[in-house]
Amino acid sequence: MSRSRWIIAAVLGILVLIVILQNTDAVETKFLFVTIYMPRAVLLFGTTLVGFVVGLVACRRSKW
């Protein structure tokens, strides 16, 4: 990867980390028939992680 892509990825990573760390209050999350109480930071991190994995899979499939 070029140097500019690494810089953009680092800046985006830092911004995501700042948003996650600033949202620590508990939230109620409903998923199908289950209600889960968790810190908003955990929910944001999980959502970001799922989006990252989906992006990687989509990228690998398009190159294949």
PDB file of N, CA and C in Angstrom:
ATOM      1  N   MET A   1       0.832  -1.178   0.000  1.00  0.00           N
ATOM      2  CA  MET A   1       0.000   0.000   0.000  1.00  0.00           C
ATOM      3  C   MET A   1       0.879   1.244   0.000  1.00  0.00           C
ATOM      4  N   SER A   2       0.389   2.276  -0.643  1.00  0.00           N
ATOM      5  CA  SER A   2       1.183   3.489  -0.697  1.00  0.00           C
ATOM      6  C   SER A   2       1.138   4.219   0.644  1.00  0.00           C
ATOM      7  N   ARG A   3       2.040   5.133   0.793  1.00  0.00           N
ATOM      8  CA  ARG A   3       2.170   5.872   2.061  1.00  0.00           C
ATOM      9  C   ARG A   3       0.904   6.669   2.383  1.00  0.00           C
ATOM     10  N   SER A   4       0.280   7.241   1.378  1.00  0.00           N
ATOM     11  CA  SER A   4      -0.928   8.044   1.618  1.00  0.00           C
ATOM     12  C   SER A   4      -2.083   7.179   2.115  1.00  0.00           C
ATOM     13  N   ARG A   5      -2.201   5.951   1.631  1.00  0.00           N
ATOM     14  CA  ARG A   5      -3.255   5.052   2.106  1.00  0.00           C
ATOM     15  C   ARG A   5      -3.040   4.686   3.570  1.00  0.00           C
ATOM     16  N   TRP A   6      -1.796   4.476   3.962  1.00  0.00           N
ATOM     17  CA  TRP A   6      -1.504   4.171   5.368  1.00  0.00           C
ATOM     18  C   TRP A   6      -1.867   5.354   6.263  1.00  0.00           C
ATOM     19  N   ILE A   7      -1.574   6.561   5.797  1.00  0.00           N
ATOM     20  CA  ILE A   7      -1.890   7.755   6.584  1.00  0.00           C
ATOM     21  C   ILE A   7      -3.405   7.914   6.723  1.00  0.00           C
ATOM     22  N   ILE A   8      -4.136   7.731   5.636  1.00  0.00           N
ATOM     23  CA  ILE A   8      -5.599   7.831   5.676  1.00  0.00           C
ATOM     24  C   ILE A   8      -6.178   6.761   6.598  1.00  0.00           C
ATOM     25  N   ALA A   9      -5.672   5.535   6.505  1.00  0.00           N
ATOM     26  CA  ALA A   9      -6.153   4.451   7.358  1.00  0.00           C
ATOM     27  C   ALA A   9      -5.863   4.744   8.826  1.00  0.00           C
ATOM     28  N   ALA A  10      -4.707   5.298   9.127  1.00  0.00           N
ATOM     29  CA  ALA A  10      -4.357   5.624  10.511  1.00  0.00           C
ATOM     30  C   ALA A  10      -5.249   6.734  11.052  1.00  0.00           C
ATOM     31  N   VAL A  11      -5.495   7.763  10.257  1.00  0.00           N
ATOM     32  CA  VAL A  11      -6.350   8.865  10.695  1.00  0.00           C
ATOM     33  C   VAL A  11      -7.779   8.363  10.933  1.00  0.00           C
ATOM     34  N   LEU A  12      -8.302   7.564  10.025  1.00  0.00           N
ATOM     35  CA  LEU A  12      -9.648   7.013  10.200  1.00  0.00           C
ATOM     36  C   LEU A  12      -9.720   6.113  11.429  1.00  0.00           C
ATOM     37  N   GLY A  13      -8.685   5.306  11.643  1.00  0.00           N
ATOM     38  CA  GLY A  13      -8.643   4.452  12.824  1.00  0.00           C
ATOM     39  C   GLY A  13      -8.648   5.254  14.115  1.00  0.00           C
ATOM     40  N   ILE A  14      -7.886   6.330  14.142  1.00  0.00           N
ATOM     41  CA  ILE A  14      -7.846   7.188  15.332  1.00  0.00           C
ATOM     42  C   ILE A  14      -9.193   7.853  15.557  1.00  0.00           C
ATOM     43  N   LEU A  15      -9.849   8.317  14.486  1.00  0.00           N
ATOM     44  CA  LEU A  15     -11.172   8.931  14.623  1.00  0.00           C
ATOM     45  C   LEU A  15     -12.205   7.932  15.147  1.00  0.00           C
ATOM     46  N   VAL A  16     -12.179   6.722  14.636  1.00  0.00           N
ATOM     47  CA  VAL A  16     -13.094   5.682  15.122  1.00  0.00           C
ATOM     48  C   VAL A  16     -12.829   5.390  16.594  1.00  0.00           C
ATOM     49  N   LEU A  17     -11.569   5.302  16.975  1.00  0.00           N
ATOM     50  CA  LEU A  17     -11.216   5.045  18.375  1.00  0.00           C
ATOM     51  C   LEU A  17     -11.704   6.170  19.287  1.00  0.00           C
ATOM     52  N   ILE A  18     -11.584   7.417  18.855  1.00  0.00           N
ATOM     53  CA  ILE A  18     -12.059   8.554  19.648  1.00  0.00           C
ATOM     54  C   ILE A  18     -13.575   8.482  19.837  1.00  0.00           C
ATOM     55  N   VAL A  19     -14.303   8.198  18.770  1.00  0.00           N
ATOM     56  CA  VAL A  19     -15.763   8.103  18.869  1.00  0.00           C
ATOM     57  C   VAL A  19     -16.170   6.972  19.802  1.00  0.00           C
ATOM     58  N   ILE A  20     -15.502   5.832  19.688  1.00  0.00           N
ATOM     59  CA  ILE A  20     -15.827   4.690  20.546  1.00  0.00           C
ATOM     60  C   ILE A  20     -15.555   5.012  22.006  1.00  0.00           C
ATOM     61  N   LEU A  21     -14.427   5.623  22.306  1.00  0.00           N
ATOM     62  CA  LEU A  21     -14.072   5.896  23.695  1.00  0.00           C
ATOM     63  C   LEU A  21     -14.933   6.987  24.333  1.00  0.00           C
ATOM     64  N   GLN A  22     -15.535   7.852  23.530  1.00  0.00           N
ATOM     65  CA  GLN A  22     -16.387   8.905  24.071  1.00  0.00           C
ATOM     66  C   GLN A  22     -17.814   8.432  24.330  1.00  0.00           C
ATOM     67  N   ASN A  23     -18.168   7.249  23.891  1.00  0.00           N
ATOM     68  CA  ASN A  23     -19.527   6.724  24.045  1.00  0.00           C
ATOM     69  C   ASN A  23     -19.509   5.485  24.934  1.00  0.00           C
ATOM     70  N   THR A  24     -19.427   5.713  26.239  1.00  0.00           N
ATOM     71  CA  THR A  24     -19.297   4.585  27.165  1.00  0.00           C
ATOM     72  C   THR A  24     -20.572   4.284  27.949  1.00  0.00           C
ATOM     73  N   ASP A  25     -21.627   5.080  27.803  1.00  0.00           N
ATOM     74  CA  ASP A  25     -22.840   4.811  28.562  1.00  0.00           C
ATOM     75  C   ASP A  25     -23.565   3.569  28.023  1.00  0.00           C
ATOM     76  N   ALA A  26     -24.326   2.911  28.902  1.00  0.00           N
ATOM     77  CA  ALA A  26     -24.991   1.662  28.546  1.00  0.00           C
ATOM     78  C   ALA A  26     -26.197   1.931  27.640  1.00  0.00           C
ATOM     79  N   VAL A  27     -26.407   1.035  26.690  1.00  0.00           N
ATOM     80  CA  VAL A  27     -27.551   1.121  25.790  1.00  0.00           C
ATOM     81  C   VAL A  27     -28.246  -0.230  25.722  1.00  0.00           C
ATOM     82  N   GLU A  28     -29.513  -0.195  25.385  1.00  0.00           N
ATOM     83  CA  GLU A  28     -30.298  -1.416  25.200  1.00  0.00           C
ATOM     84  C   GLU A  28     -30.317  -1.724  23.715  1.00  0.00           C
ATOM     85  N   THR A  29     -29.896  -2.927  23.352  1.00  0.00           N
ATOM     86  CA  THR A  29     -29.851  -3.331  21.958  1.00  0.00           C
ATOM     87  C   THR A  29     -30.726  -4.561  21.776  1.00  0.00           C
ATOM     88  N   LYS A  30     -31.622  -4.499  20.815  1.00  0.00           N
ATOM     89  CA  LYS A  30     -32.503  -5.634  20.544  1.00  0.00           C
ATOM     90  C   LYS A  30     -32.036  -6.309  19.261  1.00  0.00           C
ATOM     91  N   PHE A  31     -31.806  -7.603  19.342  1.00  0.00           N
ATOM     92  CA  PHE A  31     -31.389  -8.394  18.192  1.00  0.00           C
ATOM     93  C   PHE A  31     -32.281  -9.622  18.128  1.00  0.00           C
ATOM     94  N   LEU A  32     -33.135  -9.671  17.128  1.00  0.00           N
ATOM     95  CA  LEU A  32     -34.152 -10.704  16.979  1.00  0.00           C
ATOM     96  C   LEU A  32     -35.024 -10.748  18.236  1.00  0.00           C
ATOM     97  N   PHE A  33     -34.916 -11.804  19.037  1.00  0.00           N
ATOM     98  CA  PHE A  33     -35.770 -11.930  20.220  1.00  0.00           C
ATOM     99  C   PHE A  33     -35.009 -11.685  21.513  1.00  0.00           C
ATOM    100  N   VAL A  34     -33.790 -11.196  21.426  1.00  0.00           N
ATOM    101  CA  VAL A  34     -32.934 -11.019  22.593  1.00  0.00           C
ATOM    102  C   VAL A  34     -32.683  -9.526  22.808  1.00  0.00           C
ATOM    103  N   THR A  35     -32.763  -9.103  24.069  1.00  0.00           N
ATOM    104  CA  THR A  35     -32.411  -7.730  24.438  1.00  0.00           C
ATOM    105  C   THR A  35     -31.118  -7.772  25.232  1.00  0.00           C
ATOM    106  N   ILE A  36     -30.135  -7.009  24.791  1.00  0.00           N
ATOM    107  CA  ILE A  36     -28.819  -7.009  25.415  1.00  0.00           C
ATOM    108  C   ILE A  36     -28.514  -5.599  25.898  1.00  0.00           C
ATOM    109  N   TYR A  37     -28.001  -5.481  27.116  1.00  0.00           N
ATOM    110  CA  TYR A  37     -27.522  -4.209  27.643  1.00  0.00           C
ATOM    111  C   TYR A  37     -26.000  -4.232  27.605  1.00  0.00           C
ATOM    112  N   MET A  38     -25.426  -3.239  26.948  1.00  0.00           N
ATOM    113  CA  MET A  38     -23.970  -3.174  26.818  1.00  0.00           C
ATOM    114  C   MET A  38     -23.538  -1.724  26.678  1.00  0.00           C
ATOM    115  N   PRO A  39     -22.276  -1.445  26.957  1.00  0.00           N
ATOM    116  CA  PRO A  39     -21.780  -0.087  26.707  1.00  0.00           C
ATOM    117  C   PRO A  39     -21.840   0.236  25.212  1.00  0.00           C
ATOM    118  N   ARG A  40     -22.152   1.462  24.909  1.00  0.00           N
ATOM    119  CA  ARG A  40     -22.237   1.883  23.512  1.00  0.00           C
ATOM    120  C   ARG A  40     -20.894   1.680  22.809  1.00  0.00           C
ATOM    121  N   ALA A  41     -19.794   1.799  23.539  1.00  0.00           N
ATOM    122  CA  ALA A  41     -18.468   1.606  22.948  1.00  0.00           C
ATOM    123  C   ALA A  41     -18.320   0.191  22.395  1.00  0.00           C
ATOM    124  N   VAL A  42     -18.832  -0.801  23.131  1.00  0.00           N
ATOM    125  CA  VAL A  42     -18.755  -2.186  22.665  1.00  0.00           C
ATOM    126  C   VAL A  42     -19.587  -2.367  21.406  1.00  0.00           C
ATOM    127  N   LEU A  43     -20.780  -1.768  21.392  1.00  0.00           N
ATOM    128  CA  LEU A  43     -21.646  -1.854  20.218  1.00  0.00           C
ATOM    129  C   LEU A  43     -20.992  -1.197  19.002  1.00  0.00           C
ATOM    130  N   LEU A  44     -20.410  -0.026  19.191  1.00  0.00           N
ATOM    131  CA  LEU A  44     -19.734   0.656  18.079  1.00  0.00           C
ATOM    132  C   LEU A  44     -18.527  -0.129  17.590  1.00  0.00           C
ATOM    133  N   PHE A  45     -17.742  -0.676  18.517  1.00  0.00           N
ATOM    134  CA  PHE A  45     -16.577  -1.457  18.123  1.00  0.00           C
ATOM    135  C   PHE A  45     -17.001  -2.702  17.339  1.00  0.00           C
ATOM    136  N   GLY A  46     -18.023  -3.381  17.834  1.00  0.00           N
ATOM    137  CA  GLY A  46     -18.506  -4.579  17.137  1.00  0.00           C
ATOM    138  C   GLY A  46     -19.021  -4.265  15.747  1.00  0.00           C
ATOM    139  N   THR A  47     -19.764  -3.177  15.627  1.00  0.00           N
ATOM    140  CA  THR A  47     -20.285  -2.774  14.328  1.00  0.00           C
ATOM    141  C   THR A  47     -19.155  -2.404  13.367  1.00  0.00           C
ATOM    142  N   THR A  48     -18.163  -1.696  13.881  1.00  0.00           N
ATOM    143  CA  THR A  48     -17.004  -1.336  13.055  1.00  0.00           C
ATOM    144  C   THR A  48     -16.245  -2.578  12.616  1.00  0.00           C
ATOM    145  N   LEU A  49     -16.069  -3.524  13.525  1.00  0.00           N
ATOM    146  CA  LEU A  49     -15.360  -4.763  13.206  1.00  0.00           C
ATOM    147  C   LEU A  49     -16.098  -5.571  12.141  1.00  0.00           C
ATOM    148  N   VAL A  50     -17.416  -5.682  12.278  1.00  0.00           N
ATOM    149  CA  VAL A  50     -18.205  -6.412  11.283  1.00  0.00           C
ATOM    150  C   VAL A  50     -18.099  -5.730   9.923  1.00  0.00           C
ATOM    151  N   GLY A  51     -18.192  -4.410   9.895  1.00  0.00           N
ATOM    152  CA  GLY A  51     -18.066  -3.684   8.631  1.00  0.00           C
ATOM    153  C   GLY A  51     -16.698  -3.859   7.992  1.00  0.00           C
ATOM    154  N   PHE A  52     -15.660  -3.891   8.817  1.00  0.00           N
ATOM    155  CA  PHE A  52     -14.304  -4.094   8.303  1.00  0.00           C
ATOM    156  C   PHE A  52     -14.164  -5.494   7.686  1.00  0.00           C
ATOM    157  N   VAL A  53     -14.681  -6.496   8.375  1.00  0.00           N
ATOM    158  CA  VAL A  53     -14.595  -7.874   7.867  1.00  0.00           C
ATOM    159  C   VAL A  53     -15.398  -8.028   6.575  1.00  0.00           C
ATOM    160  N   VAL A  54     -16.585  -7.448   6.530  1.00  0.00           N
ATOM    161  CA  VAL A  54     -17.395  -7.511   5.307  1.00  0.00           C
ATOM    162  C   VAL A  54     -16.663  -6.817   4.159  1.00  0.00           C
ATOM    163  N   GLY A  55     -16.018  -5.703   4.427  1.00  0.00           N
ATOM    164  CA  GLY A  55     -15.239  -5.011   3.396  1.00  0.00           C
ATOM    165  C   GLY A  55     -14.071  -5.840   2.896  1.00  0.00           C
ATOM    166  N   LEU A  56     -13.382  -6.514   3.814  1.00  0.00           N
ATOM    167  CA  LEU A  56     -12.278  -7.387   3.406  1.00  0.00           C
ATOM    168  C   LEU A  56     -12.766  -8.537   2.537  1.00  0.00           C
ATOM    169  N   VAL A  57     -13.854  -9.168   2.939  1.00  0.00           N
ATOM    170  CA  VAL A  57     -14.403 -10.286   2.162  1.00  0.00           C
ATOM    171  C   VAL A  57     -14.830  -9.806   0.781  1.00  0.00           C
ATOM    172  N   ALA A  58     -15.501  -8.670   0.707  1.00  0.00           N
ATOM    173  CA  ALA A  58     -15.940  -8.136  -0.581  1.00  0.00           C
ATOM    174  C   ALA A  58     -14.745  -7.793  -1.471  1.00  0.00           C
ATOM    175  N   CYS A  59     -13.695  -7.253  -0.881  1.00  0.00           N
ATOM    176  CA  CYS A  59     -12.502  -6.898  -1.643  1.00  0.00           C
ATOM    177  C   CYS A  59     -11.812  -8.146  -2.182  1.00  0.00           C
ATOM    178  N   ARG A  60     -11.697  -9.152  -1.340  1.00  0.00           N
ATOM    179  CA  ARG A  60     -11.043 -10.408  -1.776  1.00  0.00           C
ATOM    180  C   ARG A  60     -11.859 -11.093  -2.873  1.00  0.00           C
ATOM    181  N   ARG A  61     -13.186 -11.072  -2.753  1.00  0.00           N
ATOM    182  CA  ARG A  61     -14.023 -11.705  -3.778  1.00  0.00           C
ATOM    183  C   ARG A  61     -13.906 -10.980  -5.128  1.00  0.00           C
ATOM    184  N   SER A  62     -13.812  -9.639  -5.091  1.00  0.00           N
ATOM    185  CA  SER A  62     -13.723  -8.909  -6.343  1.00  0.00           C
ATOM    186  C   SER A  62     -12.375  -9.130  -7.037  1.00  0.00           C
ATOM    187  N   LYS A  63     -11.318  -9.357  -6.263  1.00  0.00           N
ATOM    188  CA  LYS A  63     -10.012  -9.624  -6.849  1.00  0.00           C
ATOM    189  C   LYS A  63      -9.922 -11.055  -7.369  1.00  0.00           C
ATOM    190  N   TRP A  64     -10.695 -11.953  -6.770  1.00  0.00           N
ATOM    191  CA  TRP A  64     -10.649 -13.358  -7.141  1.00  0.00           C
ATOM    192  C   TRP A  64     -11.331 -13.537  -8.463  1.00  0.00           C
TER     193      TRP A  64
END
